[in-house]
Protein backbone atom coordinates (compact mmCIF):
# COMPACT_ATOMS: atom_id res chain seq x y z
CA MET A 1 -25.48 -37.18 20.34
CA GLN A 2 -27.70 -34.28 21.23
CA LYS A 3 -24.80 -32.48 22.88
CA LEU A 4 -22.49 -33.09 19.93
CA ARG A 5 -24.90 -31.38 17.56
CA HIS A 6 -24.63 -28.20 19.63
CA VAL A 7 -20.83 -28.08 19.65
CA PRO A 8 -20.42 -26.28 16.28
CA THR A 9 -23.07 -23.76 17.26
CA ALA A 10 -21.37 -23.11 20.60
CA LEU A 11 -18.01 -22.70 18.91
CA ALA A 12 -19.48 -20.31 16.36
CA ILE A 13 -21.04 -18.23 19.13
CA LEU A 14 -17.74 -18.17 21.02
CA ALA A 15 -15.84 -17.12 17.90
CA ALA A 16 -18.35 -14.35 17.26
CA MET A 17 -17.99 -13.16 20.84
CA VAL A 18 -14.20 -13.09 20.57
CA SER A 19 -14.41 -11.21 17.27
CA ALA A 20 -16.88 -8.71 18.69
CA ALA A 21 -14.66 -8.18 21.72
CA ALA A 22 -11.67 -7.52 19.49
CA PHE A 23 -13.54 -4.90 17.48
CA ALA A 24 -14.86 -3.32 20.68
CA GLN A 25 -11.35 -2.46 21.80
CA ALA A 26 -10.59 1.17 22.44
CA PRO A 27 -8.81 2.88 19.53
CA PRO A 28 -5.04 3.31 19.78
CA SER A 29 -3.59 6.74 20.40
CA PHE A 30 -0.31 7.76 18.79
CA ALA A 31 1.58 10.90 19.75
CA PRO A 32 2.76 13.22 16.93
CA GLN A 33 6.35 12.01 17.27
CA GLN A 34 5.22 8.38 17.01
CA LEU A 35 3.20 9.17 13.89
CA ASP A 36 6.20 10.95 12.36
CA GLN A 37 8.21 7.77 12.81
CA LEU A 38 5.42 5.58 11.47
CA VAL A 39 5.02 7.51 8.20
CA ALA A 40 8.70 8.30 7.65
CA ARG A 41 9.41 5.43 5.26
CA ILE A 42 6.44 6.27 2.98
CA ALA A 43 5.92 10.03 3.47
CA LEU A 44 7.83 10.84 0.27
CA TYR A 45 5.86 8.43 -1.91
CA PRO A 46 3.82 10.08 -4.68
CA ASP A 47 0.41 11.01 -3.32
CA ALA A 48 -1.58 8.29 -5.10
CA LEU A 49 0.78 5.51 -4.03
CA LEU A 50 0.89 6.84 -0.47
CA ALA A 51 -2.90 6.95 -0.24
CA GLN A 52 -3.14 3.41 -1.53
CA VAL A 53 -0.56 2.13 0.97
CA LEU A 54 -2.45 3.74 3.85
CA ALA A 55 -5.73 2.19 2.75
CA ALA A 56 -4.19 -1.24 2.24
CA ALA A 57 -2.46 -1.11 5.63
CA THR A 58 -5.87 -1.18 7.28
CA TYR A 59 -6.14 -4.75 5.93
CA ALA A 60 -2.80 -5.92 7.30
CA ASN A 61 -3.95 -9.53 7.52
CA ASP A 62 -4.21 -9.63 3.72
CA ILE A 63 -0.68 -8.37 3.10
CA PRO A 64 1.45 -11.56 3.51
CA ALA A 65 -0.51 -13.63 0.98
CA ALA A 66 -0.80 -10.68 -1.40
CA ALA A 67 2.94 -10.04 -1.21
CA GLN A 68 3.63 -13.67 -2.11
CA TRP A 69 1.20 -13.58 -5.04
CA ALA A 70 2.70 -10.33 -6.34
CA ASP A 71 6.20 -11.78 -6.09
CA GLU A 72 5.23 -14.93 -7.98
CA HIS A 73 3.39 -13.00 -10.72
CA HIS A 74 5.70 -9.98 -10.97
CA TYR A 75 6.48 -10.75 -14.61
CA LEU A 76 2.88 -9.94 -15.59
CA ALA A 77 1.96 -6.36 -16.52
CA GLY A 78 -0.88 -4.38 -18.04
CA GLN A 79 -3.86 -6.35 -19.29
CA ALA A 80 -2.21 -9.69 -18.43
CA LEU A 81 -1.76 -8.71 -14.78
CA ALA A 82 -5.23 -7.19 -14.46
CA GLY A 83 -6.71 -10.32 -16.01
CA ALA A 84 -4.74 -12.56 -13.65
CA ILE A 85 -5.95 -10.62 -10.61
CA GLN A 86 -9.55 -11.05 -11.68
CA GLY A 87 -9.11 -14.57 -13.04
CA ASP A 88 -7.44 -15.90 -9.90
CA GLN A 89 -10.43 -14.69 -7.87
CA LEU A 90 -8.20 -13.27 -5.17
CA PRO A 91 -9.86 -12.97 -1.74
CA TRP A 92 -8.14 -9.81 -0.48
CA ASP A 93 -9.71 -6.41 -0.17
CA PRO A 94 -9.47 -4.41 -3.43
CA SER A 95 -7.29 -1.81 -1.68
CA VAL A 96 -4.69 -4.55 -1.22
CA GLN A 97 -5.21 -5.89 -4.75
CA ALA A 98 -4.49 -2.38 -6.05
CA LEU A 99 -0.89 -2.77 -4.84
CA LEU A 100 -0.27 -6.05 -6.70
CA PRO A 101 1.45 -4.18 -9.58
CA PHE A 102 3.96 -3.00 -6.93
CA PRO A 103 5.58 -6.18 -5.55
CA SER A 104 8.41 -4.22 -3.90
CA VAL A 105 5.90 -2.14 -1.93
CA LEU A 106 4.01 -5.20 -0.73
CA GLU A 107 7.32 -6.85 0.10
CA MET A 108 8.27 -3.86 2.25
CA MET A 109 4.91 -3.96 4.04
CA ASN A 110 5.13 -7.70 4.61
CA ALA A 111 8.74 -7.60 5.80
CA ASP A 112 7.68 -5.48 8.78
CA ILE A 113 4.09 -6.54 9.33
CA ASN A 114 4.00 -5.06 12.83
CA TRP A 115 4.79 -1.65 11.34
CA THR A 116 2.13 -2.18 8.68
CA ARG A 117 -0.44 -3.11 11.31
CA GLN A 118 0.42 -0.05 13.41
CA LEU A 119 0.23 2.18 10.34
CA GLY A 120 -3.18 0.79 9.48
CA ASP A 121 -4.43 1.19 13.04
CA ALA A 122 -3.18 4.77 13.15
CA PHE A 123 -4.90 5.55 9.85
CA LEU A 124 -8.15 4.03 11.13
CA ALA A 125 -8.08 5.88 14.44
CA GLN A 126 -6.27 9.12 13.57
CA GLN A 127 -6.54 9.76 9.84
CA GLN A 128 -6.16 13.53 10.14
CA ASP A 129 -3.14 13.19 12.43
CA VAL A 130 -1.49 10.73 10.03
CA MET A 131 -1.92 13.17 7.16
CA ASP A 132 -0.48 15.97 9.29
CA ALA A 133 2.52 13.77 10.10
CA VAL A 134 3.13 13.20 6.39
CA GLN A 135 3.10 16.94 5.79
CA ARG A 136 5.57 17.53 8.64
CA GLN A 137 7.97 14.96 7.22
CA ARG A 138 7.68 16.33 3.72
CA ALA A 139 8.32 19.86 4.96
CA ILE A 140 11.53 18.72 6.67
CA ALA A 141 12.78 16.89 3.59
CA ARG A 142 12.02 19.88 1.39
CA ARG A 143 13.59 22.35 3.82
CA TYR A 144 16.87 20.44 3.76
CA GLY A 145 16.83 20.24 -0.04
CA TYR A 146 16.19 16.53 -0.42
CA LEU A 147 12.63 16.74 -1.71
CA ARG A 148 12.33 18.68 -4.93
CA SER A 149 10.86 18.43 -8.40
CA GLY A 150 12.78 16.54 -11.04
CA GLY A 151 12.38 14.31 -14.04
CA GLU A 152 10.12 11.87 -12.22
CA VAL A 153 8.00 13.88 -9.76
CA ILE A 154 6.55 17.34 -9.34
CA VAL A 155 6.67 18.65 -5.78
CA GLY A 156 3.93 21.18 -5.06
CA GLY A 157 4.85 24.10 -2.86
CA GLY A 158 1.90 24.67 -0.64
CA PRO A 159 0.15 25.41 1.53
CA TYR A 160 0.32 21.62 1.42
CA ILE A 161 3.20 19.71 -0.12
CA THR A 162 2.06 17.39 -2.88
CA ILE A 163 4.13 14.84 -4.77
CA LEU A 164 2.80 13.95 -8.20
CA PRO A 165 4.38 11.86 -10.97
CA VAL A 166 5.48 13.74 -14.06
CA ASN A 167 3.74 11.02 -16.07
CA PRO A 168 0.45 10.11 -14.35
CA ALA A 169 0.53 6.69 -16.00
CA TYR A 170 3.95 5.89 -14.56
CA ILE A 171 4.09 5.67 -10.76
CA VAL A 172 7.61 5.88 -9.37
CA VAL A 173 8.54 4.22 -6.09
CA PRO A 174 11.19 6.33 -4.35
CA TYR A 175 14.04 4.83 -2.42
CA TYR A 176 15.45 6.83 0.49
CA ASP A 177 16.81 6.46 3.99
CA PRO A 178 14.62 8.18 6.61
CA ALA A 179 17.71 8.53 8.79
CA ILE A 180 19.14 10.85 6.12
CA VAL A 181 16.39 12.81 4.37
CA PHE A 182 14.70 14.10 7.52
CA PHE A 183 17.87 15.53 9.04
CA ALA A 184 20.21 18.36 8.15
CA PRO A 185 22.83 17.17 5.65
CA ARG A 186 26.37 16.89 6.89
CA PRO A 187 28.95 19.18 5.23
CA GLY A 188 29.80 18.04 1.74
CA PHE A 189 26.86 15.62 1.43
CA VAL A 190 25.18 15.73 -1.99
CA VAL A 191 21.48 16.00 -1.21
CA GLY A 192 20.44 15.46 -4.81
CA GLY A 193 21.19 11.75 -4.68
CA ALA A 194 19.45 10.97 -1.39
CA ILE A 195 16.14 10.07 -3.05
CA ARG A 196 16.25 7.68 -5.99
CA PHE A 197 13.44 7.27 -8.50
CA GLY A 198 14.91 4.54 -10.66
CA PHE A 199 12.06 2.08 -10.13
CA GLY A 200 8.50 2.62 -11.25
CA VAL A 201 5.40 0.88 -12.58
CA THR A 202 3.34 1.69 -15.63
CA ILE A 203 -0.31 1.96 -14.62
CA GLY A 204 -2.81 2.07 -17.46
CA GLY A 205 -6.54 1.83 -17.94
CA PHE A 206 -6.48 -1.89 -17.19
CA PHE A 207 -6.25 -1.03 -13.50
CA ALA A 208 -9.13 1.46 -13.50
CA PRO A 209 -11.38 -0.91 -11.48
CA TRP A 210 -8.97 -0.50 -8.55
CA GLY A 211 -8.94 3.29 -8.84
CA TRP A 212 -5.78 3.72 -10.89
CA VAL A 213 -7.09 6.44 -13.18
CA ALA A 214 -6.05 10.08 -13.33
CA GLY A 215 -7.09 11.61 -10.02
CA GLY A 216 -8.81 8.44 -8.87
CA ILE A 217 -6.55 8.01 -5.84
CA ARG A 218 -5.68 11.29 -4.17
CA PHE A 219 -5.61 13.44 -1.06
CA ASP A 220 -7.59 16.53 -0.27
CA TRP A 221 -5.01 17.74 2.20
CA GLY A 222 -6.99 20.77 3.34
CA ALA A 223 -10.08 18.72 4.15
CA HIS A 224 -8.01 15.83 5.57
CA ALA A 225 -9.72 13.49 3.11
CA VAL A 226 -8.44 10.54 1.12
CA PHE A 227 -10.10 9.42 -2.09
CA VAL A 228 -9.69 5.89 -3.42
CA ASN A 229 -11.41 4.94 -6.65
CA ASN A 230 -12.86 8.46 -6.70
CA VAL A 231 -14.77 7.86 -3.46
CA ARG A 232 -13.79 9.24 -0.08
CA TRP A 233 -12.20 6.55 2.06
CA GLY A 234 -14.55 6.06 4.99
CA ARG A 235 -13.07 3.16 6.91
CA THR A 236 -12.45 4.07 10.55
CA TRP A 237 -11.67 2.34 13.81
CA VAL A 238 -15.40 2.25 14.65
CA ASN A 239 -16.74 0.74 11.40
CA ARG A 240 -13.73 -1.39 10.45
CA ALA A 241 -15.66 -4.65 10.96
CA ALA A 242 -18.33 -3.74 8.42
CA TYR A 243 -16.98 -1.03 6.10
CA VAL A 244 -16.90 -1.94 2.41
CA HIS A 245 -15.36 0.60 0.06
CA PRO A 246 -17.04 0.76 -3.37
CA TYR A 247 -15.17 -0.85 -6.26
CA ALA A 248 -17.79 -1.32 -8.95
CA GLY A 249 -15.52 -3.25 -11.30
CA VAL A 250 -13.97 -5.64 -8.77
CA ARG A 251 -15.79 -8.80 -7.75
CA ARG A 252 -15.50 -9.66 -4.06
CA PHE A 253 -15.30 -13.24 -2.84
CA PRO A 254 -16.48 -14.33 0.61
CA ALA A 255 -14.27 -15.77 3.31
CA GLY A 256 -13.64 -19.46 2.79
CA TYR A 257 -14.26 -19.24 -0.95
CA VAL A 258 -12.39 -21.99 -2.80
CA ARG A 259 -10.35 -20.39 -5.57
CA PRO A 260 -9.78 -22.08 -8.91
CA ALA A 261 -6.44 -23.75 -9.61
CA GLU A 262 -3.58 -21.40 -10.48
CA ALA A 263 -3.71 -20.67 -14.19
CA HIS A 264 -0.44 -18.78 -14.58
CA ALA A 265 3.20 -19.72 -14.41
CA VAL A 266 4.84 -18.86 -11.12
CA HIS A 267 8.17 -17.00 -11.28
CA VAL A 268 9.59 -15.85 -7.98
CA ARG A 269 11.73 -12.74 -8.31
CA SER A 270 15.48 -13.21 -8.26
CA GLN A 271 17.58 -11.61 -5.56
CA GLU A 272 18.95 -9.19 -8.14
CA GLU A 273 15.44 -8.11 -9.08
CA ARG A 274 14.47 -7.60 -5.46
CA MET A 275 17.57 -5.57 -4.62
CA ALA A 276 17.13 -3.31 -7.64
CA ALA A 277 13.59 -2.40 -6.60
CA ARG A 278 14.61 -1.93 -2.97
CA GLN A 279 17.44 0.39 -3.92
CA GLY A 280 15.55 2.49 -6.44
CA ARG A 281 17.41 1.11 -9.45
CA PRO A 282 15.88 -0.07 -12.73
CA VAL A 283 15.00 -3.73 -12.50
CA PRO A 284 17.25 -5.85 -14.73
CA ARG A 285 15.75 -7.75 -17.62
CA GLU A 286 14.81 -11.17 -16.37
CA VAL A 287 15.18 -14.49 -18.08
CA HIS A 288 13.14 -17.42 -16.73
CA ARG A 289 14.90 -20.74 -17.02
CA GLU A 290 12.34 -22.80 -15.19
CA GLU A 291 8.59 -22.63 -14.67
CA ARG A 292 6.46 -24.34 -12.14
CA ARG A 293 2.70 -24.42 -11.82
């Protein structure tokens, strides 16, 4: 019996040793060309959305469950969605919670979780290099005429290329093919239609606790800094086991916390809704015929 009482303690010590060993690993090193490929699918996102994706990617383990929750609660918006996020006492880092209004973005990250994990690791280990890669990709897309200001975004000219929504309260999610927009257009190709901005999300004051306020999530490209919730993002490869970014209005729940029973109807998106968001088209009006709890 004496030995049995020590088993949990021994297992806990072993788990702690394994965890410590994992976090003691040497940081990854990505070459510029590898980073260009990593950021290609998100480099043309508006700055605030791009910054949020990079931050959330450093918590790749949270993405699958968050993507499922966002899919099942996609019909909620504004105060109802913000209230559901808080009321459901979700266990994921607030940087991941901040993407819950964007189910198509979380779906994309979850569909290729290895890419998401690599992106997060690169951002932890080589934040400046990742930002430089984004600027290189944007410069190529602008040089070939694909990236330009329009009715949805304003493209800043430099020395750093910024992409800002025309309406700060409406964040568009662009759809584009990296195999097209970062290469010279073939003769006769209409570059104006290569990036679609038909899908977007209205972000109001209800999401202020997660940083979604004017200027709350942004880049300082010259200083190679990222600001989330108006505070410089300080998570790195070295401190990733302990870093906690400040979100004054978001309650954090410890690992193993038992959440209350689901209080909202669950409506999984239809295939038509998913395809519209993926292809940059307005999402069709949905009609729910069944509900399950």
